[in-house]
């Protein structure tokens, strides 16, 4: 029983970490899918998802690690 609790906790922590890393991209892609399913053009949402993914990649390339993770690389608050 304890093993199952540990596995559930690890899965929960991994899910939170993935959502934290890719949350904005996932939200934009989900919005695009919803708009496309409703029969409208979802290209605006897909371009927002692509732009968010590019910004996340650029932020990852800054060289963040556990020592400077909490520091804001852009004091202006932008991407």
PDB file of N, CA and C in Angstrom:
ATOM      1  N   UNK A   1       0.814  -1.189   0.000  1.00  0.00           N
ATOM      2  CA  UNK A   1       0.000   0.000   0.000  1.00  0.00           C
ATOM      3  C   UNK A   1       0.866   1.264   0.000  1.00  0.00           C
ATOM      4  N   UNK A   2       1.931   1.227   0.761  1.00  0.00           N
ATOM      5  CA  UNK A   2       2.821   2.376   0.834  1.00  0.00           C
ATOM      6  C   UNK A   2       3.452   2.656  -0.526  1.00  0.00           C
ATOM      7  N   UNK A   3       3.784   1.600  -1.247  1.00  0.00           N
ATOM      8  CA  UNK A   3       4.386   1.782  -2.564  1.00  0.00           C
ATOM      9  C   UNK A   3       3.427   2.520  -3.508  1.00  0.00           C
ATOM     10  N   UNK A   4       2.152   2.185  -3.432  1.00  0.00           N
ATOM     11  CA  UNK A   4       1.169   2.850  -4.289  1.00  0.00           C
ATOM     12  C   UNK A   4       1.030   4.323  -3.938  1.00  0.00           C
ATOM     13  N   UNK A   5       1.107   4.645  -2.661  1.00  0.00           N
ATOM     14  CA  UNK A   5       1.042   6.047  -2.238  1.00  0.00           C
ATOM     15  C   UNK A   5       2.253   6.805  -2.761  1.00  0.00           C
ATOM     16  N   UNK A   6       3.419   6.186  -2.689  1.00  0.00           N
ATOM     17  CA  UNK A   6       4.639   6.835  -3.193  1.00  0.00           C
ATOM     18  C   UNK A   6       4.544   7.034  -4.700  1.00  0.00           C
ATOM     19  N   UNK A   7       4.070   6.036  -5.418  1.00  0.00           N
ATOM     20  CA  UNK A   7       3.924   6.151  -6.870  1.00  0.00           C
ATOM     21  C   UNK A   7       2.929   7.250  -7.219  1.00  0.00           C
ATOM     22  N   UNK A   8       1.804   7.314  -6.500  1.00  0.00           N
ATOM     23  CA  UNK A   8       0.809   8.360  -6.752  1.00  0.00           C
ATOM     24  C   UNK A   8       1.393   9.744  -6.474  1.00  0.00           C
ATOM     25  N   UNK A   9       2.197   9.869  -5.422  1.00  0.00           N
ATOM     26  CA  UNK A   9       2.825  11.151  -5.099  1.00  0.00           C
ATOM     27  C   UNK A   9       3.820  11.565  -6.174  1.00  0.00           C
ATOM     28  N   UNK A  10       4.613  10.624  -6.656  1.00  0.00           N
ATOM     29  CA  UNK A  10       5.592  10.930  -7.710  1.00  0.00           C
ATOM     30  C   UNK A  10       4.879  11.353  -8.988  1.00  0.00           C
ATOM     31  N   UNK A  11       3.806  10.659  -9.336  1.00  0.00           N
ATOM     32  CA  UNK A  11       3.045  11.027 -10.529  1.00  0.00           C
ATOM     33  C   UNK A  11       2.434  12.419 -10.362  1.00  0.00           C
ATOM     34  N   UNK A  12       1.919  12.716  -9.183  1.00  0.00           N
ATOM     35  CA  UNK A  12       1.351  14.038  -8.919  1.00  0.00           C
ATOM     36  C   UNK A  12       2.388  15.135  -9.016  1.00  0.00           C
ATOM     37  N   UNK A  13       3.549  14.925  -8.443  1.00  0.00           N
ATOM     38  CA  UNK A  13       4.623  15.921  -8.495  1.00  0.00           C
ATOM     39  C   UNK A  13       5.093  16.106  -9.933  1.00  0.00           C
ATOM     40  N   UNK A  14       5.231  15.018 -10.677  1.00  0.00           N
ATOM     41  CA  UNK A  14       5.646  15.119 -12.080  1.00  0.00           C
ATOM     42  C   UNK A  14       4.594  15.868 -12.899  1.00  0.00           C
ATOM     43  N   UNK A  15       3.327  15.630 -12.623  1.00  0.00           N
ATOM     44  CA  UNK A  15       2.263  16.319 -13.349  1.00  0.00           C
ATOM     45  C   UNK A  15       2.292  17.814 -13.073  1.00  0.00           C
ATOM     46  N   UNK A  16       2.506  18.180 -11.826  1.00  0.00           N
ATOM     47  CA  UNK A  16       2.591  19.599 -11.475  1.00  0.00           C
ATOM     48  C   UNK A  16       3.793  20.239 -12.151  1.00  0.00           C
ATOM     49  N   UNK A  17       4.919  19.539 -12.176  1.00  0.00           N
ATOM     50  CA  UNK A  17       6.122  20.088 -12.809  1.00  0.00           C
ATOM     51  C   UNK A  17       5.916  20.281 -14.306  1.00  0.00           C
ATOM     52  N   UNK A  18       5.311  19.311 -14.957  1.00  0.00           N
ATOM     53  CA  UNK A  18       5.075  19.423 -16.398  1.00  0.00           C
ATOM     54  C   UNK A  18       4.099  20.547 -16.695  1.00  0.00           C
ATOM     55  N   UNK A  19       3.049  20.662 -15.898  1.00  0.00           N
ATOM     56  CA  UNK A  19       2.085  21.734 -16.125  1.00  0.00           C
ATOM     57  C   UNK A  19       2.718  23.093 -15.863  1.00  0.00           C
ATOM     58  N   UNK A  20       3.612  23.179 -14.880  1.00  0.00           N
ATOM     59  CA  UNK A  20       4.298  24.434 -14.606  1.00  0.00           C
ATOM     60  C   UNK A  20       5.186  24.827 -15.778  1.00  0.00           C
ATOM     61  N   UNK A  21       5.887  23.859 -16.356  1.00  0.00           N
ATOM     62  CA  UNK A  21       6.787  24.150 -17.465  1.00  0.00           C
ATOM     63  C   UNK A  21       6.035  24.479 -18.754  1.00  0.00           C
ATOM     64  N   UNK A  22       4.977  23.722 -19.035  1.00  0.00           N
ATOM     65  CA  UNK A  22       4.302  23.844 -20.317  1.00  0.00           C
ATOM     66  C   UNK A  22       2.874  24.356 -20.200  1.00  0.00           C
ATOM     67  N   UNK A  23       2.492  24.953 -19.072  1.00  0.00           N
ATOM     68  CA  UNK A  23       1.112  25.340 -18.825  1.00  0.00           C
ATOM     69  C   UNK A  23       0.536  26.295 -19.854  1.00  0.00           C
ATOM     70  N   UNK A  24       1.278  27.358 -20.183  1.00  0.00           N
ATOM     71  CA  UNK A  24       0.766  28.336 -21.142  1.00  0.00           C
ATOM     72  C   UNK A  24       0.610  27.725 -22.528  1.00  0.00           C
ATOM     73  N   UNK A  25       1.577  26.934 -22.940  1.00  0.00           N
ATOM     74  CA  UNK A  25       1.499  26.292 -24.254  1.00  0.00           C
ATOM     75  C   UNK A  25       0.307  25.337 -24.295  1.00  0.00           C
ATOM     76  N   UNK A  26       0.127  24.561 -23.226  1.00  0.00           N
ATOM     77  CA  UNK A  26      -1.007  23.631 -23.174  1.00  0.00           C
ATOM     78  C   UNK A  26      -2.341  24.369 -23.218  1.00  0.00           C
ATOM     79  N   UNK A  27      -2.428  25.496 -22.512  1.00  0.00           N
ATOM     80  CA  UNK A  27      -3.669  26.274 -22.527  1.00  0.00           C
ATOM     81  C   UNK A  27      -3.980  26.786 -23.925  1.00  0.00           C
ATOM     82  N   UNK A  28      -2.970  27.310 -24.618  1.00  0.00           N
ATOM     83  CA  UNK A  28      -3.181  27.830 -25.976  1.00  0.00           C
ATOM     84  C   UNK A  28      -3.546  26.710 -26.947  1.00  0.00           C
ATOM     85  N   UNK A  29      -2.892  25.570 -26.817  1.00  0.00           N
ATOM     86  CA  UNK A  29      -3.205  24.459 -27.714  1.00  0.00           C
ATOM     87  C   UNK A  29      -4.600  23.900 -27.448  1.00  0.00           C
ATOM     88  N   UNK A  30      -4.997  23.847 -26.182  1.00  0.00           N
ATOM     89  CA  UNK A  30      -6.342  23.398 -25.851  1.00  0.00           C
ATOM     90  C   UNK A  30      -7.379  24.373 -26.386  1.00  0.00           C
ATOM     91  N   UNK A  31      -7.100  25.670 -26.295  1.00  0.00           N
ATOM     92  CA  UNK A  31      -8.012  26.677 -26.845  1.00  0.00           C
ATOM     93  C   UNK A  31      -8.124  26.529 -28.355  1.00  0.00           C
ATOM     94  N   UNK A  32      -7.002  26.275 -29.023  1.00  0.00           N
ATOM     95  CA  UNK A  32      -7.032  26.091 -30.471  1.00  0.00           C
ATOM     96  C   UNK A  32      -7.857  24.867 -30.848  1.00  0.00           C
ATOM     97  N   UNK A  33      -7.712  23.796 -30.082  1.00  0.00           N
ATOM     98  CA  UNK A  33      -8.490  22.588 -30.364  1.00  0.00           C
ATOM     99  C   UNK A  33      -9.977  22.841 -30.153  1.00  0.00           C
ATOM    100  N   UNK A  34     -10.321  23.581 -29.108  1.00  0.00           N
ATOM    101  CA  UNK A  34     -11.722  23.900 -28.851  1.00  0.00           C
ATOM    102  C   UNK A  34     -12.327  24.760 -29.936  1.00  0.00           C
ATOM    103  N   UNK A  35     -11.566  25.735 -30.394  1.00  0.00           N
ATOM    104  CA  UNK A  35     -12.058  26.610 -31.465  1.00  0.00           C
ATOM    105  C   UNK A  35     -12.208  25.815 -32.760  1.00  0.00           C
ATOM    106  N   UNK A  36     -11.243  24.955 -33.049  1.00  0.00           N
ATOM    107  CA  UNK A  36     -11.319  24.156 -34.275  1.00  0.00           C
ATOM    108  C   UNK A  36     -12.489  23.184 -34.217  1.00  0.00           C
ATOM    109  N   UNK A  37     -12.767  22.608 -33.054  1.00  0.00           N
ATOM    110  CA  UNK A  37     -13.896  21.698 -32.924  1.00  0.00           C
ATOM    111  C   UNK A  37     -15.232  22.412 -33.074  1.00  0.00           C
ATOM    112  N   UNK A  38     -15.248  23.713 -32.759  1.00  0.00           N
ATOM    113  CA  UNK A  38     -16.494  24.468 -32.910  1.00  0.00           C
ATOM    114  C   UNK A  38     -16.723  24.893 -34.354  1.00  0.00           C
ATOM    115  N   UNK A  39     -15.754  24.630 -35.219  1.00  0.00           N
ATOM    116  CA  UNK A  39     -15.918  24.931 -36.642  1.00  0.00           C
ATOM    117  C   UNK A  39     -15.341  26.260 -37.070  1.00  0.00           C
ATOM    118  N   UNK A  40     -14.590  26.913 -36.197  1.00  0.00           N
ATOM    119  CA  UNK A  40     -13.991  28.204 -36.531  1.00  0.00           C
ATOM    120  C   UNK A  40     -12.488  28.033 -36.748  1.00  0.00           C
ATOM    121  N   UNK A  41     -11.846  29.110 -37.160  1.00  0.00           N
ATOM    122  CA  UNK A  41     -10.412  29.094 -37.415  1.00  0.00           C
ATOM    123  C   UNK A  41      -9.652  29.254 -36.099  1.00  0.00           C
ATOM    124  N   UNK A  42      -8.793  28.310 -35.776  1.00  0.00           N
ATOM    125  CA  UNK A  42      -8.024  28.352 -34.534  1.00  0.00           C
ATOM    126  C   UNK A  42      -6.585  28.752 -34.746  1.00  0.00           C
ATOM    127  N   UNK A  43      -6.290  29.418 -35.872  1.00  0.00           N
ATOM    128  CA  UNK A  43      -4.897  29.764 -36.171  1.00  0.00           C
ATOM    129  C   UNK A  43      -4.343  30.806 -35.206  1.00  0.00           C
ATOM    130  N   UNK A  44      -5.186  31.700 -34.681  1.00  0.00           N
ATOM    131  CA  UNK A  44      -4.700  32.695 -33.718  1.00  0.00           C
ATOM    132  C   UNK A  44      -4.215  32.012 -32.439  1.00  0.00           C
ATOM    133  N   UNK A  45      -4.976  31.036 -31.965  1.00  0.00           N
ATOM    134  CA  UNK A  45      -4.577  30.328 -30.756  1.00  0.00           C
ATOM    135  C   UNK A  45      -3.327  29.484 -30.995  1.00  0.00           C
ATOM    136  N   UNK A  46      -3.225  28.893 -32.183  1.00  0.00           N
ATOM    137  CA  UNK A  46      -2.027  28.092 -32.478  1.00  0.00           C
ATOM    138  C   UNK A  46      -0.783  28.977 -32.582  1.00  0.00           C
ATOM    139  N   UNK A  47      -0.934  30.183 -33.147  1.00  0.00           N
ATOM    140  CA  UNK A  47       0.219  31.079 -33.209  1.00  0.00           C
ATOM    141  C   UNK A  47       0.588  31.557 -31.811  1.00  0.00           C
ATOM    142  N   UNK A  48      -0.403  31.754 -30.933  1.00  0.00           N
ATOM    143  CA  UNK A  48      -0.108  32.109 -29.544  1.00  0.00           C
ATOM    144  C   UNK A  48       0.651  30.980 -28.862  1.00  0.00           C
ATOM    145  N   UNK A  49       0.255  29.739 -29.128  1.00  0.00           N
ATOM    146  CA  UNK A  49       0.947  28.586 -28.544  1.00  0.00           C
ATOM    147  C   UNK A  49       2.384  28.507 -29.052  1.00  0.00           C
ATOM    148  N   UNK A  50       2.566  28.754 -30.338  1.00  0.00           N
ATOM    149  CA  UNK A  50       3.917  28.710 -30.903  1.00  0.00           C
ATOM    150  C   UNK A  50       4.791  29.817 -30.321  1.00  0.00           C
ATOM    151  N   UNK A  51       4.235  31.015 -30.181  1.00  0.00           N
ATOM    152  CA  UNK A  51       5.003  32.127 -29.614  1.00  0.00           C
ATOM    153  C   UNK A  51       5.363  31.859 -28.158  1.00  0.00           C
ATOM    154  N   UNK A  52       4.445  31.275 -27.409  1.00  0.00           N
ATOM    155  CA  UNK A  52       4.720  30.943 -26.012  1.00  0.00           C
ATOM    156  C   UNK A  52       5.801  29.879 -25.916  1.00  0.00           C
ATOM    157  N   UNK A  53       5.757  28.895 -26.813  1.00  0.00           N
ATOM    158  CA  UNK A  53       6.778  27.846 -26.814  1.00  0.00           C
ATOM    159  C   UNK A  53       8.155  28.423 -27.159  1.00  0.00           C
ATOM    160  N   UNK A  54       8.193  29.347 -28.097  1.00  0.00           N
ATOM    161  CA  UNK A  54       9.465  29.982 -28.471  1.00  0.00           C
ATOM    162  C   UNK A  54      10.014  30.786 -27.296  1.00  0.00           C
ATOM    163  N   UNK A  55       9.131  31.530 -26.614  1.00  0.00           N
ATOM    164  CA  UNK A  55       9.571  32.311 -25.451  1.00  0.00           C
ATOM    165  C   UNK A  55      10.084  31.399 -24.344  1.00  0.00           C
ATOM    166  N   UNK A  56       9.427  30.261 -24.137  1.00  0.00           N
ATOM    167  CA  UNK A  56       9.877  29.307 -23.118  1.00  0.00           C
ATOM    168  C   UNK A  56      11.235  28.726 -23.495  1.00  0.00           C
ATOM    169  N   UNK A  57      11.439  28.440 -24.760  1.00  0.00           N
ATOM    170  CA  UNK A  57      12.724  27.911 -25.222  1.00  0.00           C
ATOM    171  C   UNK A  57      13.830  28.940 -25.019  1.00  0.00           C
ATOM    172  N   UNK A  58      13.532  30.205 -25.326  1.00  0.00           N
ATOM    173  CA  UNK A  58      14.533  31.258 -25.135  1.00  0.00           C
ATOM    174  C   UNK A  58      14.872  31.417 -23.663  1.00  0.00           C
ATOM    175  N   UNK A  59      13.871  31.299 -22.801  1.00  0.00           N
ATOM    176  CA  UNK A  59      14.126  31.401 -21.368  1.00  0.00           C
ATOM    177  C   UNK A  59      14.948  30.221 -20.877  1.00  0.00           C
ATOM    178  N   UNK A  60      14.704  29.044 -21.434  1.00  0.00           N
ATOM    179  CA  UNK A  60      15.466  27.858 -21.043  1.00  0.00           C
ATOM    180  C   UNK A  60      16.916  27.971 -21.487  1.00  0.00           C
ATOM    181  N   UNK A  61      17.157  28.668 -22.584  1.00  0.00           N
ATOM    182  CA  UNK A  61      18.515  28.819 -23.089  1.00  0.00           C
ATOM    183  C   UNK A  61      19.342  29.814 -22.285  1.00  0.00           C
ATOM    184  N   UNK A  62      18.705  30.538 -21.363  1.00  0.00           N
ATOM    185  CA  UNK A  62      19.416  31.520 -20.564  1.00  0.00           C
ATOM    186  C   UNK A  62      20.422  30.852 -19.642  1.00  0.00           C
ATOM    187  N   UNK A  63      20.223  29.600 -19.344  1.00  0.00           N
ATOM    188  CA  UNK A  63      21.155  28.877 -18.492  1.00  0.00           C
ATOM    189  C   UNK A  63      20.685  28.833 -17.053  1.00  0.00           C
ATOM    190  N   UNK A  64      19.413  28.647 -16.866  1.00  0.00           N
ATOM    191  CA  UNK A  64      18.883  28.599 -15.514  1.00  0.00           C
ATOM    192  C   UNK A  64      19.165  27.228 -14.910  1.00  0.00           C
ATOM    193  N   UNK A  65      19.486  27.246 -13.635  1.00  0.00           N
ATOM    194  CA  UNK A  65      19.697  26.010 -12.907  1.00  0.00           C
ATOM    195  C   UNK A  65      19.096  26.166 -11.517  1.00  0.00           C
ATOM    196  N   UNK A  66      19.334  25.233 -10.642  1.00  0.00           N
ATOM    197  CA  UNK A  66      18.727  25.268  -9.321  1.00  0.00           C
ATOM    198  C   UNK A  66      19.227  26.441  -8.482  1.00  0.00           C
ATOM    199  N   UNK A  67      20.392  26.972  -8.794  1.00  0.00           N
ATOM    200  CA  UNK A  67      20.927  28.093  -8.022  1.00  0.00           C
ATOM    201  C   UNK A  67      20.196  29.395  -8.327  1.00  0.00           C
ATOM    202  N   UNK A  68      19.830  29.617  -9.602  1.00  0.00           N
ATOM    203  CA  UNK A  68      19.215  30.890  -9.972  1.00  0.00           C
ATOM    204  C   UNK A  68      17.790  30.717 -10.494  1.00  0.00           C
ATOM    205  N   UNK A  69      17.126  29.625 -10.171  1.00  0.00           N
ATOM    206  CA  UNK A  69      15.798  29.347 -10.699  1.00  0.00           C
ATOM    207  C   UNK A  69      14.773  30.380 -10.255  1.00  0.00           C
ATOM    208  N   UNK A  70      14.839  30.814  -9.011  1.00  0.00           N
ATOM    209  CA  UNK A  70      13.837  31.728  -8.471  1.00  0.00           C
ATOM    210  C   UNK A  70      14.073  33.172  -8.909  1.00  0.00           C
ATOM    211  N   UNK A  71      15.221  33.474  -9.447  1.00  0.00           N
ATOM    212  CA  UNK A  71      15.511  34.840  -9.873  1.00  0.00           C
ATOM    213  C   UNK A  71      14.752  35.161 -11.152  1.00  0.00           C
ATOM    214  N   UNK A  72      14.277  36.376 -11.274  1.00  0.00           N
ATOM    215  CA  UNK A  72      13.565  36.816 -12.460  1.00  0.00           C
ATOM    216  C   UNK A  72      14.595  37.294 -13.485  1.00  0.00           C
ATOM    217  N   UNK A  73      14.720  36.613 -14.633  1.00  0.00           N
ATOM    218  CA  UNK A  73      15.731  37.012 -15.615  1.00  0.00           C
ATOM    219  C   UNK A  73      15.382  38.331 -16.301  1.00  0.00           C
ATOM    220  N   UNK A  74      14.109  38.732 -16.254  1.00  0.00           N
ATOM    221  CA  UNK A  74      13.680  39.966 -16.898  1.00  0.00           C
ATOM    222  C   UNK A  74      12.940  40.803 -15.872  1.00  0.00           C
ATOM    223  N   UNK A  75      13.600  41.790 -15.239  1.00  0.00           N
ATOM    224  CA  UNK A  75      12.958  42.565 -14.192  1.00  0.00           C
ATOM    225  C   UNK A  75      11.725  43.331 -14.673  1.00  0.00           C
ATOM    226  N   UNK A  76      11.611  43.587 -15.970  1.00  0.00           N
ATOM    227  CA  UNK A  76      10.450  44.308 -16.489  1.00  0.00           C
ATOM    228  C   UNK A  76       9.202  43.449 -16.462  1.00  0.00           C
ATOM    229  N   UNK A  77       9.334  42.135 -16.275  1.00  0.00           N
ATOM    230  CA  UNK A  77       8.196  41.251 -16.180  1.00  0.00           C
ATOM    231  C   UNK A  77       7.753  40.674 -17.498  1.00  0.00           C
ATOM    232  N   UNK A  78       8.429  40.992 -18.572  1.00  0.00           N
ATOM    233  CA  UNK A  78       8.053  40.479 -19.893  1.00  0.00           C
ATOM    234  C   UNK A  78       8.676  39.128 -20.154  1.00  0.00           C
ATOM    235  N   UNK A  79       8.367  38.521 -21.312  1.00  0.00           N
ATOM    236  CA  UNK A  79       8.966  37.217 -21.642  1.00  0.00           C
ATOM    237  C   UNK A  79      10.414  37.312 -22.018  1.00  0.00           C
TER     238      UNK A  79
END
